[in-house]
């Protein structure tokens, strides 16, 4: 049974806390070495359990693949950070928008990771810098709630004795002093400009963007088709933010490379390399071109292959992995000609 101290540590691992973000930016653990058949057979029960557990943990981790959306977001975001470096006001930002499961959060967090590592390299003797701030917009958020999300990441108090002005001023003060250069705001679709609170949340985010000398990046589901870009407030957002669409992948060379890349990470004793590459069309039909569903299906099948002892991924094993509704109901996209 977990102790309260362990639970607190687990809570801090969320990206929306500074401790969680710092853990995310550390080098990932080294994957275990795949043993030969003879070495694996020679393991005693305890060593085999430890080895298999390490492989299960390896496959449970989300492997980040540098998709075109990720590359576009990182390149565009780093360019904006440089362009905004000396801007006094009206700094420009990015919006990453698209259906669920198309890699929006991965794209903006990879941008955050790139900026964090670049900032550390430029300022190796400044451990107190907070280069990146990551928050998510809570459902039915109020201005105080969104301000509290900023404060929570920074470890600032948000008890009732602090009003929203106190919280905002504390956040702005810390971000300015810590040279925060990038603010990532995820799950923006949770906010709606049709409600009073929603409009006030948009105003609060705009105020933060004016007071904190940083580049703001928004991400959410189908933002361009929501109320967030309508009316006067929406026009202000649309006028300052560049839209990067995320979408299901068509069945093309990029999709085939995604499957090959994920297959190359497998640590299974009986899996024949190239098996998944031969099933790339099937995987596209299964997942509707959703990168999140593809990763989930392959990693899930790999975990099952270790648990049931088959040590290989088959078409039947892939079919046994339940997918999310978005992937199940999406239609396969037509093939495109790669240039």
C-alpha atoms as a PDB file:
ATOM      1  CA  UNK A   1       0.000   0.000   0.000  1.00  0.00           C
ATOM      2  CA  UNK A   2       1.319   3.434  -0.928  1.00  0.00           C
ATOM      3  CA  UNK A   3       2.135   5.888   1.785  1.00  0.00           C
ATOM      4  CA  UNK A   4       0.953   9.509   1.693  1.00  0.00           C
ATOM      5  CA  UNK A   5       4.512  10.552   0.913  1.00  0.00           C
ATOM      6  CA  UNK A   6       4.577   8.279  -2.139  1.00  0.00           C
ATOM      7  CA  UNK A   7       1.229   9.627  -3.309  1.00  0.00           C
ATOM      8  CA  UNK A   8       2.496  13.188  -2.999  1.00  0.00           C
ATOM      9  CA  UNK A   9       5.513  12.283  -5.084  1.00  0.00           C
ATOM     10  CA  UNK A  10       3.276  10.701  -7.741  1.00  0.00           C
ATOM     11  CA  UNK A  11       1.120  13.836  -7.820  1.00  0.00           C
ATOM     12  CA  UNK A  12       4.153  16.000  -8.429  1.00  0.00           C
ATOM     13  CA  UNK A  13       5.029  13.957 -11.514  1.00  0.00           C
ATOM     14  CA  UNK A  14       2.301  15.647 -13.550  1.00  0.00           C
ATOM     15  CA  UNK A  15       3.648  17.945 -16.247  1.00  0.00           C
ATOM     16  CA  UNK A  16       1.568  20.736 -14.718  1.00  0.00           C
ATOM     17  CA  UNK A  17       3.973  20.935 -11.769  1.00  0.00           C
ATOM     18  CA  UNK A  18       7.536  22.168 -11.933  1.00  0.00           C
ATOM     19  CA  UNK A  19       8.825  18.909 -10.418  1.00  0.00           C
ATOM     20  CA  UNK A  20       6.899  16.880 -12.985  1.00  0.00           C
ATOM     21  CA  UNK A  21       8.153  19.011 -15.848  1.00  0.00           C
ATOM     22  CA  UNK A  22      11.746  18.729 -14.653  1.00  0.00           C
ATOM     23  CA  UNK A  23      11.407  14.940 -14.493  1.00  0.00           C
ATOM     24  CA  UNK A  24      10.006  14.961 -18.044  1.00  0.00           C
ATOM     25  CA  UNK A  25      13.054  16.862 -19.301  1.00  0.00           C
ATOM     26  CA  UNK A  26      15.551  14.399 -17.860  1.00  0.00           C
ATOM     27  CA  UNK A  27      17.143  11.764 -20.090  1.00  0.00           C
ATOM     28  CA  UNK A  28      14.860   8.716 -20.423  1.00  0.00           C
ATOM     29  CA  UNK A  29      16.067   5.498 -18.796  1.00  0.00           C
ATOM     30  CA  UNK A  30      18.283   3.273 -20.915  1.00  0.00           C
ATOM     31  CA  UNK A  31      16.244   0.399 -22.430  1.00  0.00           C
ATOM     32  CA  UNK A  32      17.209  -3.071 -21.218  1.00  0.00           C
ATOM     33  CA  UNK A  33      19.428  -5.144 -23.506  1.00  0.00           C
ATOM     34  CA  UNK A  34      17.556  -7.911 -25.311  1.00  0.00           C
ATOM     35  CA  UNK A  35      19.119 -11.181 -24.192  1.00  0.00           C
ATOM     36  CA  UNK A  36      19.833 -14.081 -26.505  1.00  0.00           C
ATOM     37  CA  UNK A  37      17.625 -17.168 -26.299  1.00  0.00           C
ATOM     38  CA  UNK A  38      20.326 -19.012 -24.332  1.00  0.00           C
ATOM     39  CA  UNK A  39      20.874 -16.152 -21.899  1.00  0.00           C
ATOM     40  CA  UNK A  40      17.134 -15.808 -21.331  1.00  0.00           C
ATOM     41  CA  UNK A  41      16.708 -19.558 -20.716  1.00  0.00           C
ATOM     42  CA  UNK A  42      19.561 -19.504 -18.190  1.00  0.00           C
ATOM     43  CA  UNK A  43      17.896 -16.891 -15.953  1.00  0.00           C
ATOM     44  CA  UNK A  44      16.507 -18.091 -12.640  1.00  0.00           C
ATOM     45  CA  UNK A  45      12.915 -17.165 -11.718  1.00  0.00           C
ATOM     46  CA  UNK A  46      13.808 -13.983  -9.828  1.00  0.00           C
ATOM     47  CA  UNK A  47      16.151 -12.654 -12.528  1.00  0.00           C
ATOM     48  CA  UNK A  48      13.673 -13.516 -15.250  1.00  0.00           C
ATOM     49  CA  UNK A  49      10.904 -11.673 -13.436  1.00  0.00           C
ATOM     50  CA  UNK A  50      13.150  -8.624 -13.021  1.00  0.00           C
ATOM     51  CA  UNK A  51      14.186  -8.729 -16.697  1.00  0.00           C
ATOM     52  CA  UNK A  52      10.611  -9.121 -17.945  1.00  0.00           C
ATOM     53  CA  UNK A  53       9.451  -6.301 -15.685  1.00  0.00           C
ATOM     54  CA  UNK A  54      12.098  -4.028 -17.197  1.00  0.00           C
ATOM     55  CA  UNK A  55      10.862  -4.907 -20.694  1.00  0.00           C
ATOM     56  CA  UNK A  56       7.235  -4.325 -19.686  1.00  0.00           C
ATOM     57  CA  UNK A  57       8.178  -0.911 -18.342  1.00  0.00           C
ATOM     58  CA  UNK A  58      10.055  -0.146 -21.573  1.00  0.00           C
ATOM     59  CA  UNK A  59       7.023  -0.920 -23.727  1.00  0.00           C
ATOM     60  CA  UNK A  60       4.696   0.945 -21.377  1.00  0.00           C
ATOM     61  CA  UNK A  61       6.595   4.178 -21.977  1.00  0.00           C
ATOM     62  CA  UNK A  62       5.292   6.394 -24.747  1.00  0.00           C
ATOM     63  CA  UNK A  63       7.907   6.548 -27.485  1.00  0.00           C
ATOM     64  CA  UNK A  64       7.937  10.023 -29.031  1.00  0.00           C
ATOM     65  CA  UNK A  65       8.217   9.894 -32.804  1.00  0.00           C
ATOM     66  CA  UNK A  66       9.266  13.024 -34.677  1.00  0.00           C
ATOM     67  CA  UNK A  67       6.192  13.329 -36.882  1.00  0.00           C
ATOM     68  CA  UNK A  68       5.733  16.174 -39.346  1.00  0.00           C
ATOM     69  CA  UNK A  69       3.413  17.882 -36.830  1.00  0.00           C
ATOM     70  CA  UNK A  70       6.019  17.661 -34.079  1.00  0.00           C
ATOM     71  CA  UNK A  71       8.769  18.964 -36.356  1.00  0.00           C
ATOM     72  CA  UNK A  72       6.590  21.828 -37.630  1.00  0.00           C
ATOM     73  CA  UNK A  73       5.577  22.819 -34.096  1.00  0.00           C
ATOM     74  CA  UNK A  74       9.137  22.745 -32.752  1.00  0.00           C
ATOM     75  CA  UNK A  75      10.542  24.699 -35.695  1.00  0.00           C
ATOM     76  CA  UNK A  76       7.755  27.293 -35.705  1.00  0.00           C
ATOM     77  CA  UNK A  77       7.808  27.652 -31.929  1.00  0.00           C
ATOM     78  CA  UNK A  78      11.559  28.168 -31.668  1.00  0.00           C
ATOM     79  CA  UNK A  79      11.373  30.738 -34.466  1.00  0.00           C
ATOM     80  CA  UNK A  80       8.664  32.658 -32.596  1.00  0.00           C
ATOM     81  CA  UNK A  81      10.637  32.554 -29.346  1.00  0.00           C
ATOM     82  CA  UNK A  82      13.509  34.292 -31.127  1.00  0.00           C
ATOM     83  CA  UNK A  83      11.222  36.808 -32.850  1.00  0.00           C
ATOM     84  CA  UNK A  84       9.522  37.612 -29.534  1.00  0.00           C
ATOM     85  CA  UNK A  85      12.780  37.935 -27.611  1.00  0.00           C
ATOM     86  CA  UNK A  86      12.879  41.733 -27.748  1.00  0.00           C
ATOM     87  CA  UNK A  87       9.153  42.405 -28.201  1.00  0.00           C
ATOM     88  CA  UNK A  88       7.626  44.708 -25.596  1.00  0.00           C
ATOM     89  CA  UNK A  89       4.025  43.793 -26.374  1.00  0.00           C
ATOM     90  CA  UNK A  90       1.879  42.007 -28.966  1.00  0.00           C
ATOM     91  CA  UNK A  91       4.062  38.905 -28.911  1.00  0.00           C
ATOM     92  CA  UNK A  92       2.873  36.283 -31.349  1.00  0.00           C
ATOM     93  CA  UNK A  93       2.066  32.696 -30.478  1.00  0.00           C
ATOM     94  CA  UNK A  94       1.037  29.297 -31.834  1.00  0.00           C
ATOM     95  CA  UNK A  95      -2.149  27.244 -31.665  1.00  0.00           C
ATOM     96  CA  UNK A  96      -1.924  23.507 -32.271  1.00  0.00           C
ATOM     97  CA  UNK A  97      -5.414  22.255 -33.054  1.00  0.00           C
ATOM     98  CA  UNK A  98      -6.955  19.046 -34.328  1.00  0.00           C
ATOM     99  CA  UNK A  99      -8.962  15.950 -33.396  1.00  0.00           C
ATOM    100  CA  UNK A 100      -8.247  13.986 -30.237  1.00  0.00           C
ATOM    101  CA  UNK A 101      -5.389  11.504 -30.518  1.00  0.00           C
ATOM    102  CA  UNK A 102      -3.450  13.344 -33.220  1.00  0.00           C
ATOM    103  CA  UNK A 103      -0.437  14.273 -31.085  1.00  0.00           C
ATOM    104  CA  UNK A 104      -1.122  17.877 -30.016  1.00  0.00           C
ATOM    105  CA  UNK A 105       0.197  17.513 -26.472  1.00  0.00           C
ATOM    106  CA  UNK A 106       3.237  15.604 -27.713  1.00  0.00           C
ATOM    107  CA  UNK A 107       3.975  18.382 -30.210  1.00  0.00           C
ATOM    108  CA  UNK A 108       3.858  21.255 -27.717  1.00  0.00           C
ATOM    109  CA  UNK A 109       5.716  19.363 -24.985  1.00  0.00           C
ATOM    110  CA  UNK A 110       8.468  18.479 -27.449  1.00  0.00           C
ATOM    111  CA  UNK A 111       8.725  22.191 -28.239  1.00  0.00           C
ATOM    112  CA  UNK A 112       8.927  22.829 -24.497  1.00  0.00           C
ATOM    113  CA  UNK A 113      11.612  20.181 -24.119  1.00  0.00           C
ATOM    114  CA  UNK A 114      13.675  21.679 -26.948  1.00  0.00           C
ATOM    115  CA  UNK A 115      13.449  25.147 -25.401  1.00  0.00           C
ATOM    116  CA  UNK A 116      14.238  23.861 -21.910  1.00  0.00           C
ATOM    117  CA  UNK A 117      17.382  22.052 -23.052  1.00  0.00           C
ATOM    118  CA  UNK A 118      18.485  25.026 -25.153  1.00  0.00           C
ATOM    119  CA  UNK A 119      18.021  27.378 -22.212  1.00  0.00           C
ATOM    120  CA  UNK A 120      20.018  25.112 -19.901  1.00  0.00           C
ATOM    121  CA  UNK A 121      22.837  24.944 -22.435  1.00  0.00           C
ATOM    122  CA  UNK A 122      22.949  28.744 -22.673  1.00  0.00           C
ATOM    123  CA  UNK A 123      22.731  29.272 -18.906  1.00  0.00           C
ATOM    124  CA  UNK A 124      24.390  26.270 -17.225  1.00  0.00           C
ATOM    125  CA  UNK A 125      25.114  28.210 -14.027  1.00  0.00           C
ATOM    126  CA  UNK A 126      21.535  29.445 -13.471  1.00  0.00           C
ATOM    127  CA  UNK A 127      19.578  26.585 -11.872  1.00  0.00           C
ATOM    128  CA  UNK A 128      16.802  28.909 -10.677  1.00  0.00           C
ATOM    129  CA  UNK A 129      15.625  29.715 -14.203  1.00  0.00           C
ATOM    130  CA  UNK A 130      12.169  28.422 -15.119  1.00  0.00           C
ATOM    131  CA  UNK A 131      12.408  28.352 -18.890  1.00  0.00           C
ATOM    132  CA  UNK A 132       9.049  26.637 -19.515  1.00  0.00           C
ATOM    133  CA  UNK A 133       5.671  26.752 -17.780  1.00  0.00           C
ATOM    134  CA  UNK A 134       3.021  24.137 -18.640  1.00  0.00           C
ATOM    135  CA  UNK A 135      -0.642  24.317 -17.598  1.00  0.00           C
ATOM    136  CA  UNK A 136      -3.906  22.708 -18.632  1.00  0.00           C
ATOM    137  CA  UNK A 137      -7.232  24.527 -18.727  1.00  0.00           C
ATOM    138  CA  UNK A 138      -9.634  22.881 -16.237  1.00  0.00           C
ATOM    139  CA  UNK A 139     -13.225  22.135 -17.317  1.00  0.00           C
ATOM    140  CA  UNK A 140     -15.607  25.003 -16.542  1.00  0.00           C
ATOM    141  CA  UNK A 141     -12.625  27.106 -15.550  1.00  0.00           C
ATOM    142  CA  UNK A 142     -12.904  30.476 -13.863  1.00  0.00           C
ATOM    143  CA  UNK A 143     -10.257  33.209 -14.031  1.00  0.00           C
ATOM    144  CA  UNK A 144      -9.096  32.324 -10.530  1.00  0.00           C
ATOM    145  CA  UNK A 145      -8.816  28.653 -11.465  1.00  0.00           C
ATOM    146  CA  UNK A 146      -6.599  29.368 -14.469  1.00  0.00           C
ATOM    147  CA  UNK A 147      -4.456  31.739 -12.403  1.00  0.00           C
ATOM    148  CA  UNK A 148      -4.180  29.004  -9.758  1.00  0.00           C
ATOM    149  CA  UNK A 149      -2.954  26.539 -12.437  1.00  0.00           C
ATOM    150  CA  UNK A 150      -0.085  28.917 -13.237  1.00  0.00           C
ATOM    151  CA  UNK A 151       0.671  29.288  -9.532  1.00  0.00           C
ATOM    152  CA  UNK A 152       0.517  25.540  -8.902  1.00  0.00           C
ATOM    153  CA  UNK A 153       3.166  24.881 -11.531  1.00  0.00           C
ATOM    154  CA  UNK A 154       5.427  27.400  -9.813  1.00  0.00           C
ATOM    155  CA  UNK A 155       4.695  26.057  -6.325  1.00  0.00           C
ATOM    156  CA  UNK A 156       3.020  29.282  -5.183  1.00  0.00           C
ATOM    157  CA  UNK A 157       0.253  29.297  -2.543  1.00  0.00           C
ATOM    158  CA  UNK A 158      -3.344  29.613  -3.755  1.00  0.00           C
ATOM    159  CA  UNK A 159      -5.318  29.459  -0.507  1.00  0.00           C
ATOM    160  CA  UNK A 160      -8.495  31.500  -0.045  1.00  0.00           C
ATOM    161  CA  UNK A 161      -6.632  34.329   1.618  1.00  0.00           C
ATOM    162  CA  UNK A 162      -5.037  35.080  -1.759  1.00  0.00           C
ATOM    163  CA  UNK A 163      -7.370  36.758  -4.228  1.00  0.00           C
ATOM    164  CA  UNK A 164      -6.905  36.481  -7.984  1.00  0.00           C
ATOM    165  CA  UNK A 165      -4.922  39.724  -8.155  1.00  0.00           C
ATOM    166  CA  UNK A 166      -2.488  38.441  -5.530  1.00  0.00           C
ATOM    167  CA  UNK A 167      -2.040  35.187  -7.451  1.00  0.00           C
ATOM    168  CA  UNK A 168      -1.543  36.893 -10.815  1.00  0.00           C
ATOM    169  CA  UNK A 169       1.009  39.341  -9.439  1.00  0.00           C
ATOM    170  CA  UNK A 170       2.929  36.512  -7.756  1.00  0.00           C
ATOM    171  CA  UNK A 171       2.957  34.452 -10.979  1.00  0.00           C
ATOM    172  CA  UNK A 172       4.087  37.390 -13.108  1.00  0.00           C
ATOM    173  CA  UNK A 173       6.795  38.260 -10.593  1.00  0.00           C
ATOM    174  CA  UNK A 174       8.221  34.740 -10.452  1.00  0.00           C
ATOM    175  CA  UNK A 175       8.074  34.197 -14.242  1.00  0.00           C
ATOM    176  CA  UNK A 176       9.764  37.525 -14.910  1.00  0.00           C
ATOM    177  CA  UNK A 177      12.499  36.904 -12.365  1.00  0.00           C
ATOM    178  CA  UNK A 178      13.002  33.288 -13.503  1.00  0.00           C
ATOM    179  CA  UNK A 179      13.207  34.333 -17.172  1.00  0.00           C
ATOM    180  CA  UNK A 180      10.331  32.151 -18.327  1.00  0.00           C
ATOM    181  CA  UNK A 181      10.475  32.182 -22.118  1.00  0.00           C
ATOM    182  CA  UNK A 182       7.732  29.723 -23.078  1.00  0.00           C
ATOM    183  CA  UNK A 183       4.234  29.135 -21.682  1.00  0.00           C
ATOM    184  CA  UNK A 184       2.333  26.041 -22.851  1.00  0.00           C
ATOM    185  CA  UNK A 185      -1.448  26.117 -22.338  1.00  0.00           C
ATOM    186  CA  UNK A 186      -3.036  22.737 -23.084  1.00  0.00           C
ATOM    187  CA  UNK A 187      -6.681  21.583 -23.259  1.00  0.00           C
ATOM    188  CA  UNK A 188      -7.816  25.031 -24.410  1.00  0.00           C
ATOM    189  CA  UNK A 189     -11.039  23.492 -25.788  1.00  0.00           C
ATOM    190  CA  UNK A 190     -12.233  23.263 -22.167  1.00  0.00           C
ATOM    191  CA  UNK A 191     -12.860  27.000 -22.342  1.00  0.00           C
ATOM    192  CA  UNK A 192     -15.802  28.588 -24.162  1.00  0.00           C
ATOM    193  CA  UNK A 193     -16.242  32.253 -24.951  1.00  0.00           C
ATOM    194  CA  UNK A 194     -20.031  31.852 -24.856  1.00  0.00           C
ATOM    195  CA  UNK A 195     -19.993  31.919 -21.042  1.00  0.00           C
ATOM    196  CA  UNK A 196     -19.050  34.826 -18.804  1.00  0.00           C
ATOM    197  CA  UNK A 197     -16.384  32.813 -17.024  1.00  0.00           C
ATOM    198  CA  UNK A 198     -15.029  31.571 -20.347  1.00  0.00           C
ATOM    199  CA  UNK A 199     -14.648  35.102 -21.665  1.00  0.00           C
ATOM    200  CA  UNK A 200     -12.942  36.121 -18.429  1.00  0.00           C
ATOM    201  CA  UNK A 201     -10.549  33.161 -18.687  1.00  0.00           C
ATOM    202  CA  UNK A 202      -9.589  34.305 -22.204  1.00  0.00           C
ATOM    203  CA  UNK A 203      -8.985  37.788 -20.821  1.00  0.00           C
ATOM    204  CA  UNK A 204      -6.863  36.364 -18.004  1.00  0.00           C
ATOM    205  CA  UNK A 205      -4.706  34.400 -20.451  1.00  0.00           C
ATOM    206  CA  UNK A 206      -4.329  37.518 -22.597  1.00  0.00           C
ATOM    207  CA  UNK A 207      -3.317  39.517 -19.522  1.00  0.00           C
ATOM    208  CA  UNK A 208      -0.719  36.893 -18.588  1.00  0.00           C
ATOM    209  CA  UNK A 209       0.653  37.015 -22.148  1.00  0.00           C
ATOM    210  CA  UNK A 210       1.013  40.788 -21.887  1.00  0.00           C
ATOM    211  CA  UNK A 211       2.666  40.751 -18.468  1.00  0.00           C
ATOM    212  CA  UNK A 212       4.932  37.700 -18.826  1.00  0.00           C
ATOM    213  CA  UNK A 213       7.681  38.252 -21.439  1.00  0.00           C
ATOM    214  CA  UNK A 214       7.233  34.805 -22.965  1.00  0.00           C
ATOM    215  CA  UNK A 215       5.896  33.101 -26.075  1.00  0.00           C
ATOM    216  CA  UNK A 216       2.485  31.497 -25.476  1.00  0.00           C
ATOM    217  CA  UNK A 217       1.510  28.214 -27.144  1.00  0.00           C
ATOM    218  CA  UNK A 218      -2.089  26.966 -27.080  1.00  0.00           C
ATOM    219  CA  UNK A 219      -3.284  23.424 -27.837  1.00  0.00           C
ATOM    220  CA  UNK A 220      -6.760  21.975 -27.955  1.00  0.00           C
ATOM    221  CA  UNK A 221      -9.329  19.982 -29.883  1.00  0.00           C
ATOM    222  CA  UNK A 222     -10.597  21.703 -33.047  1.00  0.00           C
ATOM    223  CA  UNK A 223      -9.969  25.202 -31.695  1.00  0.00           C
ATOM    224  CA  UNK A 224     -10.518  26.804 -35.099  1.00  0.00           C
ATOM    225  CA  UNK A 225     -14.077  25.425 -35.217  1.00  0.00           C
ATOM    226  CA  UNK A 226     -14.971  26.454 -31.656  1.00  0.00           C
ATOM    227  CA  UNK A 227     -16.190  29.716 -30.162  1.00  0.00           C
ATOM    228  CA  UNK A 228     -12.633  30.575 -29.086  1.00  0.00           C
ATOM    229  CA  UNK A 229     -11.942  32.424 -32.326  1.00  0.00           C
ATOM    230  CA  UNK A 230     -15.313  34.168 -32.599  1.00  0.00           C
ATOM    231  CA  UNK A 231     -16.271  37.686 -31.624  1.00  0.00           C
ATOM    232  CA  UNK A 232     -13.941  40.470 -30.543  1.00  0.00           C
ATOM    233  CA  UNK A 233     -11.952  38.328 -28.120  1.00  0.00           C
ATOM    234  CA  UNK A 234     -11.633  35.538 -30.645  1.00  0.00           C
ATOM    235  CA  UNK A 235     -10.456  37.963 -33.308  1.00  0.00           C
ATOM    236  CA  UNK A 236      -7.689  39.151 -30.968  1.00  0.00           C
ATOM    237  CA  UNK A 237      -6.521  35.568 -30.479  1.00  0.00           C
ATOM    238  CA  UNK A 238      -6.733  34.766 -34.194  1.00  0.00           C
ATOM    239  CA  UNK A 239      -4.765  37.912 -35.018  1.00  0.00           C
ATOM    240  CA  UNK A 240      -1.833  36.992 -32.799  1.00  0.00           C
ATOM    241  CA  UNK A 241      -1.634  33.199 -33.048  1.00  0.00           C
ATOM    242  CA  UNK A 242      -0.517  31.056 -35.970  1.00  0.00           C
ATOM    243  CA  UNK A 243      -2.528  27.862 -36.407  1.00  0.00           C
ATOM    244  CA  UNK A 244      -0.764  24.507 -36.773  1.00  0.00           C
ATOM    245  CA  UNK A 245      -3.286  21.778 -37.595  1.00  0.00           C
ATOM    246  CA  UNK A 246      -2.798  18.238 -36.334  1.00  0.00           C
ATOM    247  CA  UNK A 247      -4.654  15.494 -38.145  1.00  0.00           C
ATOM    248  CA  UNK A 248      -4.851  11.749 -38.715  1.00  0.00           C
ATOM    249  CA  UNK A 249      -2.094  10.551 -41.013  1.00  0.00           C
ATOM    250  CA  UNK A 250      -2.970   9.377 -44.520  1.00  0.00           C
ATOM    251  CA  UNK A 251      -1.549   6.070 -45.624  1.00  0.00           C
ATOM    252  CA  UNK A 252       1.701   7.314 -47.119  1.00  0.00           C
ATOM    253  CA  UNK A 253       5.452   7.092 -46.622  1.00  0.00           C
ATOM    254  CA  UNK A 254       5.357   8.994 -43.346  1.00  0.00           C
ATOM    255  CA  UNK A 255       2.876   6.512 -41.894  1.00  0.00           C
ATOM    256  CA  UNK A 256       5.038   3.595 -43.037  1.00  0.00           C
ATOM    257  CA  UNK A 257       8.074   5.194 -41.376  1.00  0.00           C
ATOM    258  CA  UNK A 258       6.107   5.695 -38.142  1.00  0.00           C
ATOM    259  CA  UNK A 259       5.293   1.976 -38.032  1.00  0.00           C
ATOM    260  CA  UNK A 260       8.915   1.018 -38.746  1.00  0.00           C
ATOM    261  CA  UNK A 261      10.195   3.384 -36.063  1.00  0.00           C
ATOM    262  CA  UNK A 262       7.863   1.987 -33.422  1.00  0.00           C
ATOM    263  CA  UNK A 263       8.704  -1.587 -34.450  1.00  0.00           C
ATOM    264  CA  UNK A 264      12.414  -0.857 -34.032  1.00  0.00           C
ATOM    265  CA  UNK A 265      11.855  -0.195 -30.307  1.00  0.00           C
ATOM    266  CA  UNK A 266      10.384  -3.651 -29.576  1.00  0.00           C
ATOM    267  CA  UNK A 267      12.238  -5.952 -27.186  1.00  0.00           C
ATOM    268  CA  UNK A 268      10.611  -9.315 -27.917  1.00  0.00           C
ATOM    269  CA  UNK A 269      12.485 -12.602 -28.269  1.00  0.00           C
ATOM    270  CA  UNK A 270      10.414 -14.186 -31.056  1.00  0.00           C
ATOM    271  CA  UNK A 271       9.385 -11.104 -33.016  1.00  0.00           C
ATOM    272  CA  UNK A 272      10.606 -11.088 -36.602  1.00  0.00           C
ATOM    273  CA  UNK A 273      11.711  -7.587 -37.704  1.00  0.00           C
ATOM    274  CA  UNK A 274       9.560  -6.270 -40.533  1.00  0.00           C
ATOM    275  CA  UNK A 275       6.384  -8.003 -39.357  1.00  0.00           C
ATOM    276  CA  UNK A 276       4.653  -4.742 -38.473  1.00  0.00           C
ATOM    277  CA  UNK A 277       5.968  -3.028 -41.595  1.00  0.00           C
ATOM    278  CA  UNK A 278       4.073  -5.652 -43.615  1.00  0.00           C
ATOM    279  CA  UNK A 279       0.953  -4.814 -41.600  1.00  0.00           C
ATOM    280  CA  UNK A 280       1.197  -1.036 -41.997  1.00  0.00           C
ATOM    281  CA  UNK A 281      -1.974  -0.838 -44.141  1.00  0.00           C
ATOM    282  CA  UNK A 282      -3.861  -2.983 -41.612  1.00  0.00           C
ATOM    283  CA  UNK A 283      -2.613  -0.774 -38.777  1.00  0.00           C
ATOM    284  CA  UNK A 284      -3.777   2.317 -40.649  1.00  0.00           C
ATOM    285  CA  UNK A 285      -7.231   0.837 -41.165  1.00  0.00           C
ATOM    286  CA  UNK A 286      -7.366  -0.171 -37.498  1.00  0.00           C
ATOM    287  CA  UNK A 287      -6.325   3.197 -36.083  1.00  0.00           C
ATOM    288  CA  UNK A 288      -7.683   5.573 -38.695  1.00  0.00           C
ATOM    289  CA  UNK A 289      -4.240   7.113 -38.995  1.00  0.00           C
ATOM    290  CA  UNK A 290      -4.213   8.293 -35.365  1.00  0.00           C
ATOM    291  CA  UNK A 291      -0.657   8.339 -33.998  1.00  0.00           C
ATOM    292  CA  UNK A 292      -1.892   7.958 -30.421  1.00  0.00           C
ATOM    293  CA  UNK A 293      -3.936   4.878 -31.296  1.00  0.00           C
ATOM    294  CA  UNK A 294      -1.034   3.390 -33.296  1.00  0.00           C
ATOM    295  CA  UNK A 295       1.360   3.741 -30.373  1.00  0.00           C
ATOM    296  CA  UNK A 296      -1.206   2.342 -27.939  1.00  0.00           C
ATOM    297  CA  UNK A 297      -1.960  -0.668 -30.126  1.00  0.00           C
ATOM    298  CA  UNK A 298       1.670  -1.642 -30.758  1.00  0.00           C
ATOM    299  CA  UNK A 299       2.795  -1.101 -27.165  1.00  0.00           C
ATOM    300  CA  UNK A 300      -0.248  -2.947 -25.839  1.00  0.00           C
ATOM    301  CA  UNK A 301       0.380  -5.919 -28.122  1.00  0.00           C
ATOM    302  CA  UNK A 302       4.034  -5.994 -27.036  1.00  0.00           C
ATOM    303  CA  UNK A 303       3.036  -6.088 -23.370  1.00  0.00           C
ATOM    304  CA  UNK A 304       0.589  -8.930 -24.065  1.00  0.00           C
ATOM    305  CA  UNK A 305       3.331 -10.823 -25.937  1.00  0.00           C
ATOM    306  CA  UNK A 306       5.550 -10.734 -22.852  1.00  0.00           C
ATOM    307  CA  UNK A 307       2.759 -11.618 -20.431  1.00  0.00           C
ATOM    308  CA  UNK A 308       1.464 -14.580 -22.468  1.00  0.00           C
ATOM    309  CA  UNK A 309       4.973 -15.807 -23.364  1.00  0.00           C
ATOM    310  CA  UNK A 310       4.506 -15.658 -27.146  1.00  0.00           C
ATOM    311  CA  UNK A 311       7.227 -12.979 -27.398  1.00  0.00           C
ATOM    312  CA  UNK A 312       5.982 -11.731 -30.776  1.00  0.00           C
ATOM    313  CA  UNK A 313       3.318  -9.437 -32.188  1.00  0.00           C
ATOM    314  CA  UNK A 314       0.787 -10.929 -34.580  1.00  0.00           C
ATOM    315  CA  UNK A 315      -2.204  -9.537 -36.443  1.00  0.00           C
ATOM    316  CA  UNK A 316      -4.487 -11.330 -33.991  1.00  0.00           C
ATOM    317  CA  UNK A 317      -2.571  -9.861 -31.077  1.00  0.00           C
ATOM    318  CA  UNK A 318      -2.999  -6.364 -32.500  1.00  0.00           C
ATOM    319  CA  UNK A 319      -6.727  -6.935 -33.004  1.00  0.00           C
ATOM    320  CA  UNK A 320      -7.040  -7.902 -29.329  1.00  0.00           C
ATOM    321  CA  UNK A 321      -6.022  -4.410 -28.182  1.00  0.00           C
ATOM    322  CA  UNK A 322      -9.126  -2.234 -27.679  1.00  0.00           C
ATOM    323  CA  UNK A 323      -8.802   1.218 -29.208  1.00  0.00           C
ATOM    324  CA  UNK A 324     -10.399   4.528 -28.326  1.00  0.00           C
ATOM    325  CA  UNK A 325     -13.699   5.538 -29.934  1.00  0.00           C
ATOM    326  CA  UNK A 326     -12.051   8.216 -32.075  1.00  0.00           C
ATOM    327  CA  UNK A 327      -9.855   5.612 -33.757  1.00  0.00           C
ATOM    328  CA  UNK A 328     -12.679   3.076 -34.059  1.00  0.00           C
ATOM    329  CA  UNK A 329     -15.080   5.453 -35.787  1.00  0.00           C
ATOM    330  CA  UNK A 330     -12.589   7.274 -38.004  1.00  0.00           C
ATOM    331  CA  UNK A 331     -12.506   6.429 -41.673  1.00  0.00           C
ATOM    332  CA  UNK A 332      -9.256   5.401 -43.403  1.00  0.00           C
ATOM    333  CA  UNK A 333      -7.861   8.293 -45.393  1.00  0.00           C
ATOM    334  CA  UNK A 334      -7.048   7.839 -49.069  1.00  0.00           C
ATOM    335  CA  UNK A 335      -3.495   7.103 -50.082  1.00  0.00           C
ATOM    336  CA  UNK A 336      -1.414  10.087 -51.124  1.00  0.00           C
ATOM    337  CA  UNK A 337       1.548  10.360 -53.414  1.00  0.00           C
ATOM    338  CA  UNK A 338       4.702  11.306 -51.554  1.00  0.00           C
ATOM    339  CA  UNK A 339       7.060  13.711 -53.213  1.00  0.00           C
END
